[in-house]
Every structure is written in structure tokens, then in C-alpha cells.
Amino acid sequence: MKKYSLQLFILVLFFFTQFNIQAQTNFTMNEVYSRGTTSDPDWIEIYNSSSSAVDLSGFKIYDVAGRTGTKPKKDFPSGSIIPANEFLVIVTDDTSASGFGLSSSGESVWIENASGIVVDSVVFPALQTTESYSRVPNGQSWIITNSITRGTSNIYSNPTSIVMNEIYSRGITSDPDWIEIYNPSSFEISLTGYKIYDAGGQAGTKPKKSFPSGTFIPANGFIIIVTDDTASSGFGLSSNGEEVWLEDASGLIIDDVTFPSMDTTQSYCRFPDGTTAWQISNYITKGLQNSITDINDDEANLALDFVLNQNYPNPFNPSTTISYSLPFESTVIITIFNSLGEVVKELVNSSQQSGYHSVSFKAVDISSGIYFYAISAYSINGQQEFNSVRKMTLLK
């Protein structure tokens, strides 16, 4: 009887311990800022996702020096309580013996509870002075963001995700020239402070056109910006073709495209949406998804050569699109490999007609890192006609 009582006690103790660990992990590191200055040192934001306050008294936070014991681990101050669904910021780079700067090249950070059990960790990448590493939405997937939101809810604003997606250059007074912007991410993104312009804005001979303050583009959605208006920054899009640029709020150019001459019934669009493949379209889809029927009738199924495009978005999490073209009917094999050359997934292995194609890859049960995707195409007689490999980055 005593033997069974002891087993029951151990079992209850195990579940109690596991429950406590789980209860203590209802908070997470939520934002990392590694480009601090003397007046604004490096810091890490902690988020409490639960409906109850969390007490971090006795908890510790540290980098590799604290983990290896070459310096003390940093204690959370006694009374560090995070209210429900709120945030706490701890400055890591202070003058105490346990102070540690966060490397601008990226490193690892751990949090342990009062019992010495690690309850959260993160490996953050190299960051610019205008960037932080944040979970978006709060407590979920890690991304690099240009919105530094110390102690407040994180906003997804990774500028490399936003692209120009369709261009119409044959506007009239009642329907002026416009450019469609596409957000391929699963988060709403603020475009406040973003600018769009042609050669005049690039050369500084006229102002760059700003997106209206408070402009948001929905997840997987589109917005239209009219370029040819009466403002001093207004610019018409040449019917003979020209180059246009898109920059984020920090002044970084995040997209540019040189579009060709078009007729009044045509636009220039990415197909599939957001990818690197631009096409002239005889179907104008202002603010709507581009589809295979949007491609110029004479070009819809006419690919001049084998092409494997760069995946988009890249870096990605969790999904990305790989697009490619075939000049004639081919047996196509597309495979994902890790950095060791091991096969992660075979995406395509079938006969396909000539034209433009795309396939989606969703990274499930694999870790962040560098991966490669390869295409092999064979003619109907089995001869290899095309082989190409590209690199992509999964950033969770």
C-alpha cells in the first residue's frame, strides 16, 4: 500500500510541477531591442498573455555569459509584476555586474524561474538601429519589424513584405494613373510615412508622394494609391513606360519596378500576386487578386524559357510561394533541401503544360534556417532540359 501511495505521490508531484511550469510560461519575451545607446540602453519586453497578473520576482534573464557562468545572471527586480495582458520592460545593459549588452549581430537570451528552470528563450538575429525583433501578434511568431513598440502592443511593419502589385499608366481625368500595393502577410500593416515616386522624386526635382497618415493595408489585401493628382507630389505614369520606387518610413527603398509601354486596356501586374514575375495584363484588376486569366491573351501560356524565380516572401514564416516557367510541356520535380543537403519535402513531381506555374511551401515542423529549393525539368523523351537551385530563409 505504501508503495502505491509513493507512486501516486510522485505522479501527482510530476503533474503539479508540469502545471506550474506551464502556468509560468503564460508570459514570453515579446520584443528585443539590441541597438541601444547610453541614454536608451538595450532592453527586452516581457508580455503576459494571461488573464491574471504574473509575478517575476526571483526570475532571471541572461545571455550566453550568464548561461556559462562567466558572469552573474540578471535578476528581475523584486515586485516585478505584469498585469494581465500587459508588458514589462527590463533593461539588460546596465552598470551592474549582471548587466549584459545585446549583440547587434544577434545572440541567444534565456529566462529562468525562481527554481532555475528555463521557461523561455529566443535566438534573435542581427538588427539595424531602426529595428526590433518582435512577436506578432503579441506572444506568437517572431519577426524583424521596423516598428519599435517598447512596452506597447506590437505592430507588424516589415517593409520587405509590401510590394507594388499592379500599375495602370493610361489614366484619364476621371480615372487617373494608379499603383496597387499588396500585403502578402497575415498581419495588417501601417503605411504611415511610406512614400512612392518616379524619376522626379528620385532625383529630388519634386517631392516624393507620401501615403496618407493612418493608412493601413489589411492582411493579404490591397490598397490603391492614385499617383496623378493635383498635389505638388503628384506624378503621371508615362504611357511609354518608366521606373517607380516605393520606400518605407525610414527612407529605405523596399520595391522598385520598371514598367513597359501599355495600351489603354492594359496594366502591368505581378502574377501570382506578390511574386517576382511581372506580366502585361489585358484584364485590369484594380484592388483585386491577379489570376491566370489576367495575363495578356497572347502571353498567358507562352513562356520563352525555363525560369526558376526567387521565392516570395523571403525570408518567410510560415509559407512562401515558388514560381517558375516552362517553355514546353515537361516533367517537373521541385524539392526542398536543408543546409546539409537532406530532402525536406518534394513539392512537385508531375507532367505540366508550358506556361507560368507556382507552388506554395508551408514550413511545418522544421526550424529556422537556410533552405534550398531545386527544380529539374525533363522533356517527354526523358532528357533533362533544366536544373536550377535557389536559397531561401525560414525565420520563425
Protein backbone atom coordinates (compact mmCIF):
# COMPACT_ATOMS: atom_id res chain seq x y z
CA MET A 1 0.00 0.00 0.00
CA LYS A 2 2.83 2.33 0.90
CA LYS A 3 4.47 1.54 -2.46
CA TYR A 4 1.34 2.61 -4.37
CA SER A 5 0.98 5.73 -2.20
CA LEU A 6 4.57 6.71 -3.02
CA GLN A 7 3.95 6.16 -6.75
CA LEU A 8 0.78 8.23 -6.55
CA PHE A 9 2.66 10.98 -4.71
CA ILE A 10 5.39 11.03 -7.36
CA LEU A 11 2.79 11.10 -10.12
CA VAL A 12 0.89 13.98 -8.50
CA LEU A 13 4.16 15.83 -7.89
CA PHE A 14 5.12 15.37 -11.56
CA PHE A 15 1.84 16.78 -12.82
CA PHE A 16 1.94 19.59 -10.28
CA THR A 17 5.44 20.53 -11.42
CA GLN A 18 4.42 20.41 -15.07
CA PHE A 19 1.35 22.52 -14.31
CA ASN A 20 3.49 25.10 -12.54
CA ILE A 21 5.91 25.29 -15.46
CA GLN A 22 3.05 25.69 -17.90
CA ALA A 23 1.42 28.30 -15.68
CA GLN A 24 4.68 30.22 -15.59
CA THR A 25 5.01 30.18 -19.36
CA ASN A 26 1.90 32.27 -19.93
CA PHE A 27 4.40 35.09 -20.35
CA THR A 28 7.05 35.37 -23.05
CA MET A 29 9.82 37.62 -24.21
CA ASN A 30 7.91 39.72 -26.73
CA GLU A 31 10.31 42.30 -28.18
CA VAL A 32 14.09 42.60 -28.26
CA TYR A 33 15.98 45.84 -28.91
CA SER A 34 19.73 45.35 -29.33
CA ARG A 35 20.84 48.71 -30.77
CA GLY A 36 20.70 50.72 -27.57
CA THR A 37 22.67 53.85 -26.69
CA THR A 38 23.90 55.30 -23.39
CA SER A 39 20.65 57.19 -22.99
CA ASP A 40 18.47 54.29 -24.21
CA PRO A 41 20.26 51.01 -23.38
CA ASP A 42 19.39 47.56 -24.76
CA TRP A 43 16.13 46.15 -23.41
CA ILE A 44 13.76 43.19 -23.62
CA GLU A 45 10.00 43.44 -23.33
CA ILE A 46 8.05 40.70 -21.49
CA TYR A 47 4.38 40.07 -22.29
CA ASN A 48 1.78 38.48 -20.02
CA SER A 49 -0.80 36.77 -22.26
CA SER A 50 -2.92 35.51 -19.36
CA SER A 51 -5.98 36.99 -17.67
CA SER A 52 -4.15 37.17 -14.32
CA ALA A 53 -1.15 39.14 -13.08
CA VAL A 54 2.25 37.39 -13.21
CA ASP A 55 4.94 37.91 -10.56
CA LEU A 56 8.50 37.59 -11.92
CA SER A 57 10.21 38.17 -8.56
CA GLY A 58 13.17 35.77 -8.33
CA PHE A 59 13.24 35.12 -12.07
CA LYS A 60 16.47 35.65 -14.01
CA ILE A 61 17.35 36.71 -17.54
CA TYR A 62 20.75 36.25 -19.20
CA ASP A 63 22.75 35.73 -22.38
CA VAL A 64 25.47 33.16 -23.07
CA ALA A 65 27.79 34.64 -20.40
CA GLY A 66 25.16 34.05 -17.74
CA ARG A 67 24.42 30.61 -19.12
CA THR A 68 28.08 29.53 -19.00
CA GLY A 69 28.65 31.15 -15.61
CA THR A 70 31.28 33.69 -16.70
CA LYS A 71 29.08 36.43 -15.23
CA PRO A 72 26.02 36.55 -12.93
CA LYS A 73 22.52 36.08 -14.29
CA LYS A 74 20.39 39.22 -14.12
CA ASP A 75 17.58 39.12 -11.54
CA PHE A 76 14.21 40.66 -12.21
CA PRO A 77 13.69 43.29 -9.50
CA SER A 78 11.63 42.13 -6.54
CA GLY A 79 7.99 43.03 -7.13
CA SER A 80 8.21 42.72 -10.94
CA ILE A 81 4.53 42.12 -11.54
CA ILE A 82 2.99 42.18 -15.00
CA PRO A 83 -0.76 42.86 -15.05
CA ALA A 84 -2.99 40.70 -17.22
CA ASN A 85 -2.37 41.22 -20.95
CA GLU A 86 0.26 43.87 -20.22
CA PHE A 87 4.01 44.36 -20.66
CA LEU A 88 7.15 44.81 -18.59
CA VAL A 89 10.46 46.10 -19.97
CA ILE A 90 13.76 45.06 -18.41
CA VAL A 91 16.92 46.96 -19.32
CA THR A 92 19.70 44.42 -19.78
CA ASP A 93 22.67 46.70 -20.47
CA ASP A 94 23.17 48.43 -17.13
CA THR A 95 26.20 49.04 -14.92
CA SER A 96 25.53 46.14 -12.53
CA ALA A 97 27.74 43.03 -12.52
CA SER A 98 24.90 41.12 -14.22
CA GLY A 99 24.33 43.75 -16.93
CA PHE A 100 24.71 42.49 -20.47
CA GLY A 101 24.52 44.21 -23.82
CA LEU A 102 22.58 42.55 -26.60
CA SER A 103 24.81 41.92 -29.62
CA SER A 104 23.86 43.89 -32.73
CA SER A 105 24.90 40.77 -34.66
CA GLY A 106 22.34 38.65 -32.82
CA GLU A 107 22.61 36.13 -29.97
CA SER A 108 20.60 33.96 -27.54
CA VAL A 109 18.77 35.03 -24.38
CA TRP A 110 17.13 32.85 -21.71
CA ILE A 111 14.67 33.39 -18.84
CA GLU A 112 14.51 31.02 -15.87
CA ASN A 113 12.08 30.90 -12.98
CA ALA A 114 12.88 31.05 -9.28
CA SER A 115 13.54 27.29 -9.33
CA GLY A 116 16.20 27.64 -12.01
CA ILE A 117 14.04 26.13 -14.78
CA VAL A 118 14.33 27.79 -18.22
CA VAL A 119 10.81 28.95 -19.14
CA ASP A 120 11.55 30.95 -22.28
CA SER A 121 14.40 31.56 -24.73
CA VAL A 122 14.97 33.33 -28.02
CA VAL A 123 17.69 33.50 -30.67
CA PHE A 124 17.43 36.94 -32.24
CA PRO A 125 19.14 37.98 -35.50
CA ALA A 126 21.26 40.97 -36.46
CA LEU A 127 19.22 44.18 -36.27
CA GLN A 128 19.51 47.71 -37.61
CA THR A 129 19.12 50.78 -35.38
CA THR A 130 15.53 51.21 -36.58
CA GLU A 131 14.55 47.58 -36.00
CA SER A 132 13.47 45.35 -33.15
CA TYR A 133 12.76 41.63 -33.03
CA SER A 134 9.13 41.17 -32.08
CA ARG A 135 6.41 38.59 -31.67
CA VAL A 136 3.46 39.47 -33.89
CA PRO A 137 0.75 39.20 -32.82
CA ASN A 138 1.92 39.60 -29.22
CA GLY A 139 3.23 36.31 -27.82
CA GLN A 140 3.26 34.50 -31.18
CA SER A 141 5.63 34.38 -34.21
CA TRP A 142 8.96 36.22 -34.12
CA ILE A 143 9.77 38.66 -36.95
CA ILE A 144 12.03 41.63 -37.62
CA THR A 145 9.95 44.81 -37.56
CA ASN A 146 10.59 48.49 -38.18
CA SER A 147 8.00 49.44 -35.56
CA ILE A 148 9.76 49.68 -32.18
CA THR A 149 6.91 49.43 -29.66
CA ARG A 150 8.57 49.34 -26.25
CA GLY A 151 6.01 48.44 -23.60
CA THR A 152 3.07 48.50 -26.01
CA SER A 153 1.33 46.14 -28.42
CA ASN A 154 3.49 45.09 -31.37
CA ILE A 155 2.56 46.14 -34.90
CA TYR A 156 3.76 44.21 -37.92
CA SER A 157 5.54 46.56 -40.31
CA ASN A 158 8.21 44.50 -42.02
CA PRO A 159 8.78 46.72 -45.07
CA THR A 160 10.16 43.98 -47.27
CA SER A 161 6.73 42.34 -47.31
CA ILE A 162 4.98 45.24 -49.05
CA VAL A 163 5.19 45.34 -52.85
CA MET A 164 3.78 47.20 -55.80
CA ASN A 165 1.48 44.67 -57.43
CA GLU A 166 -0.28 46.33 -60.38
CA ILE A 167 0.38 49.53 -62.36
CA TYR A 168 -2.04 51.45 -64.57
CA SER A 169 -0.42 54.21 -66.63
CA ARG A 170 -3.18 55.15 -69.09
CA GLY A 171 -5.40 57.11 -66.76
CA ILE A 172 -7.81 59.89 -67.65
CA THR A 173 -9.21 62.81 -65.65
CA SER A 174 -12.00 60.70 -64.16
CA ASP A 175 -9.72 57.69 -63.52
CA PRO A 176 -6.13 58.91 -63.06
CA ASP A 177 -2.97 56.77 -63.06
CA TRP A 178 -2.67 54.48 -60.06
CA ILE A 179 -0.49 51.82 -58.44
CA GLU A 180 -1.83 48.90 -56.44
CA ILE A 181 0.06 47.89 -53.26
CA TYR A 182 -0.16 44.32 -51.94
CA ASN A 183 0.41 42.94 -48.44
CA PRO A 184 1.19 39.17 -48.64
CA SER A 185 1.50 38.80 -44.88
CA SER A 186 -1.16 37.64 -42.44
CA PHE A 187 -1.00 40.91 -40.49
CA GLU A 188 -2.40 44.39 -41.04
CA ILE A 189 0.45 46.82 -41.78
CA SER A 190 0.68 50.56 -41.26
CA LEU A 191 1.87 52.57 -44.29
CA THR A 192 2.10 55.88 -42.46
CA GLY A 193 5.29 57.62 -43.60
CA TYR A 194 5.76 55.43 -46.69
CA LYS A 195 6.48 57.20 -49.99
CA ILE A 196 6.10 56.38 -53.68
CA TYR A 197 7.64 58.30 -56.58
CA ASP A 198 9.02 58.30 -60.13
CA ALA A 199 12.24 59.79 -61.53
CA GLY A 200 11.25 63.28 -60.38
CA GLY A 201 11.04 62.20 -56.75
CA GLN A 202 14.17 60.05 -57.09
CA ALA A 203 16.17 62.99 -58.48
CA GLY A 204 14.73 65.45 -55.96
CA THR A 205 13.22 67.74 -58.59
CA LYS A 206 9.80 67.31 -56.96
CA PRO A 207 8.51 65.94 -53.63
CA LYS A 208 8.00 62.23 -53.11
CA LYS A 209 4.34 61.26 -52.70
CA SER A 210 3.52 60.23 -49.12
CA PHE A 211 0.85 57.73 -48.19
CA PRO A 212 -1.85 59.47 -46.13
CA SER A 213 -1.23 59.32 -42.38
CA GLY A 214 -3.19 56.50 -40.80
CA THR A 215 -3.16 54.34 -43.95
CA PHE A 216 -3.33 50.62 -43.17
CA ILE A 217 -3.22 47.75 -45.63
CA PRO A 218 -5.12 44.66 -44.48
CA ALA A 219 -3.64 41.19 -44.20
CA ASN A 220 -3.38 39.59 -47.66
CA GLY A 221 -5.05 42.72 -49.01
CA PHE A 222 -4.60 45.58 -51.44
CA ILE A 223 -4.77 49.36 -51.45
CA ILE A 224 -4.68 51.75 -54.39
CA ILE A 225 -2.69 54.96 -54.40
CA VAL A 226 -3.53 57.47 -57.13
CA THR A 227 -0.27 58.97 -58.32
CA ASP A 228 -1.53 61.56 -60.83
CA ASP A 229 -3.31 64.07 -58.62
CA THR A 230 -3.12 67.85 -58.19
CA ALA A 231 -0.76 67.76 -55.20
CA SER A 232 2.80 69.01 -55.66
CA SER A 233 3.96 65.41 -55.28
CA GLY A 234 1.51 64.09 -57.89
CA PHE A 235 3.09 62.34 -60.88
CA GLY A 236 1.65 60.82 -64.01
CA LEU A 237 2.87 57.41 -65.13
CA SER A 238 4.32 57.59 -68.63
CA SER A 239 2.38 55.62 -71.25
CA ASN A 240 5.79 54.80 -72.76
CA GLY A 241 6.95 53.18 -69.51
CA GLU A 242 9.25 54.36 -66.71
CA GLU A 243 10.60 53.39 -63.28
CA VAL A 244 8.82 53.87 -59.94
CA TRP A 245 10.07 53.36 -56.38
CA LEU A 246 8.46 52.54 -53.02
CA GLU A 247 10.20 53.38 -49.73
CA ASP A 248 9.32 52.80 -46.10
CA ALA A 249 9.01 55.35 -43.29
CA SER A 250 12.76 55.21 -42.60
CA GLY A 251 13.59 56.09 -46.23
CA LEU A 252 14.64 52.57 -47.22
CA ILE A 253 13.68 51.59 -50.80
CA ILE A 254 11.73 48.35 -50.44
CA ASP A 255 10.50 47.90 -54.01
CA ASP A 256 11.07 49.34 -57.47
CA VAL A 257 9.88 48.36 -60.90
CA THR A 258 10.40 49.50 -64.47
CA PHE A 259 7.13 49.05 -66.33
CA PRO A 260 6.79 48.94 -70.14
CA SER A 261 4.64 50.82 -72.63
CA MET A 262 0.98 49.82 -72.34
CA ASP A 263 -2.33 50.32 -74.16
CA THR A 264 -5.40 51.87 -72.54
CA THR A 265 -6.83 48.39 -71.82
CA GLN A 266 -3.69 47.03 -70.16
CA SER A 267 -2.00 47.07 -66.78
CA TYR A 268 1.32 45.69 -65.60
CA CYS A 269 0.91 43.20 -62.75
CA ARG A 270 2.67 40.57 -60.69
CA PHE A 271 1.49 37.03 -61.26
CA PRO A 272 0.96 35.35 -58.88
CA ASP A 273 0.32 38.30 -56.55
CA GLY A 274 3.47 39.47 -54.79
CA THR A 275 5.94 37.30 -56.71
CA THR A 276 8.85 38.48 -58.83
CA ALA A 277 7.13 37.67 -62.14
CA TRP A 278 5.64 40.81 -63.78
CA GLN A 279 3.37 40.49 -66.84
CA ILE A 280 1.33 42.76 -69.10
CA SER A 281 -2.33 42.05 -68.46
CA ASN A 282 -5.36 42.71 -70.67
CA TYR A 283 -7.57 42.41 -67.59
CA ILE A 284 -7.29 45.34 -65.17
CA THR A 285 -7.90 44.09 -61.63
CA LYS A 286 -7.68 47.28 -59.57
CA GLY A 287 -7.67 46.33 -55.88
CA LEU A 288 -8.35 42.67 -56.66
CA GLN A 289 -6.37 39.45 -56.88
CA ASN A 290 -4.46 38.82 -60.12
CA SER A 291 -5.29 35.46 -61.69
CA ILE A 292 -4.08 33.41 -64.65
CA THR A 293 -6.81 34.92 -66.82
CA ASP A 294 -5.37 38.35 -66.15
CA ILE A 295 -2.26 37.68 -68.23
CA ASN A 296 -2.15 39.07 -71.76
CA ASP A 297 -4.04 36.64 -74.01
CA ASP A 298 -1.05 36.29 -76.31
CA GLU A 299 1.29 35.64 -73.39
CA ALA A 300 -0.85 33.66 -70.96
CA ASN A 301 0.65 30.30 -71.86
CA LEU A 302 3.77 31.48 -73.65
CA ALA A 303 6.93 31.21 -71.59
CA LEU A 304 10.03 31.84 -73.67
CA ASP A 305 12.46 29.95 -71.45
CA PHE A 306 12.86 27.88 -68.31
CA VAL A 307 12.94 30.16 -65.26
CA LEU A 308 13.01 29.50 -61.53
CA ASN A 309 12.11 32.70 -59.66
CA GLN A 310 13.16 33.70 -56.17
CA ASN A 311 10.55 32.59 -53.65
CA TYR A 312 8.33 35.29 -52.17
CA PRO A 313 8.23 36.36 -49.44
CA ASN A 314 11.82 35.70 -48.42
CA PRO A 315 12.62 35.46 -45.54
CA PHE A 316 9.30 33.76 -44.81
CA ASN A 317 7.20 32.34 -41.98
CA PRO A 318 5.43 30.02 -42.32
CA SER A 319 4.53 30.00 -46.04
CA THR A 320 6.18 31.12 -49.25
CA THR A 321 5.45 30.83 -52.98
CA ILE A 322 7.83 29.44 -55.59
CA SER A 323 7.06 30.43 -59.18
CA TYR A 324 8.62 29.13 -62.38
CA SER A 325 8.02 28.94 -66.11
CA LEU A 326 8.24 26.20 -68.73
CA PRO A 327 8.63 26.87 -72.49
CA PHE A 328 7.12 23.47 -73.37
CA GLU A 329 5.41 20.52 -71.69
CA SER A 330 7.80 18.99 -69.16
CA THR A 331 8.03 16.59 -66.27
CA VAL A 332 8.85 18.81 -63.30
CA ILE A 333 10.38 17.89 -59.95
CA ILE A 334 10.70 20.56 -57.25
CA THR A 335 12.38 19.58 -53.98
CA ILE A 336 13.22 21.37 -50.72
CA PHE A 337 16.58 20.62 -49.08
CA ASN A 338 18.14 21.70 -45.80
CA SER A 339 21.68 23.07 -45.47
CA LEU A 340 23.03 19.50 -45.13
CA GLY A 341 21.56 18.51 -48.48
CA GLU A 342 18.87 16.35 -46.91
CA VAL A 343 15.45 16.28 -48.56
CA VAL A 344 12.85 18.15 -46.51
CA LYS A 345 9.90 17.87 -48.89
CA GLU A 346 9.12 17.12 -52.53
CA LEU A 347 6.66 19.77 -53.68
CA VAL A 348 6.11 18.77 -57.31
CA ASN A 349 6.65 15.59 -59.32
CA SER A 350 4.37 15.64 -62.34
CA SER A 351 3.98 16.47 -66.02
CA GLN A 352 2.99 20.11 -66.59
CA GLN A 353 1.98 22.19 -69.60
CA SER A 354 4.07 25.09 -70.87
CA GLY A 355 3.46 28.45 -69.19
CA TYR A 356 3.73 30.06 -65.80
CA HIS A 357 3.33 27.99 -62.64
CA SER A 358 3.62 28.42 -58.88
CA VAL A 359 3.58 26.20 -55.83
CA SER A 360 3.25 27.07 -52.14
CA PHE A 361 5.56 25.71 -49.46
CA LYS A 362 4.42 25.73 -45.83
CA ALA A 363 7.23 25.13 -43.35
CA VAL A 364 5.75 22.75 -40.79
CA ASP A 365 7.80 21.05 -38.07
CA ILE A 366 11.11 22.47 -39.29
CA SER A 367 13.29 25.04 -37.56
CA SER A 368 14.51 28.45 -38.69
CA GLY A 369 17.46 28.44 -41.04
CA ILE A 370 18.72 28.40 -44.61
CA TYR A 371 17.00 26.05 -47.04
CA PHE A 372 17.32 25.39 -50.76
CA TYR A 373 14.77 24.61 -53.44
CA ALA A 374 15.70 22.88 -56.68
CA ILE A 375 13.86 22.33 -59.94
CA SER A 376 14.58 19.68 -62.56
CA ALA A 377 12.61 19.62 -65.81
CA TYR A 378 12.62 16.78 -68.33
CA SER A 379 11.27 16.66 -71.88
CA ILE A 380 8.74 13.97 -72.85
CA ASN A 381 11.59 11.72 -74.04
CA GLY A 382 13.19 11.85 -70.57
CA GLN A 383 16.06 14.21 -71.35
CA GLN A 384 16.89 16.72 -68.65
CA GLU A 385 16.32 20.20 -70.04
CA PHE A 386 16.69 22.42 -67.00
CA ASN A 387 18.13 22.33 -63.50
CA SER A 388 18.35 25.22 -61.06
CA VAL A 389 18.73 25.82 -57.31
CA ARG A 390 17.89 28.85 -55.18
CA LYS A 391 18.30 29.68 -51.49
CA MET A 392 15.56 30.77 -49.09
CA THR A 393 15.42 31.66 -45.40
CA LEU A 394 12.88 30.48 -42.85
CA LEU A 395 12.72 32.91 -39.93
CA LYS A 396 10.41 31.86 -37.10
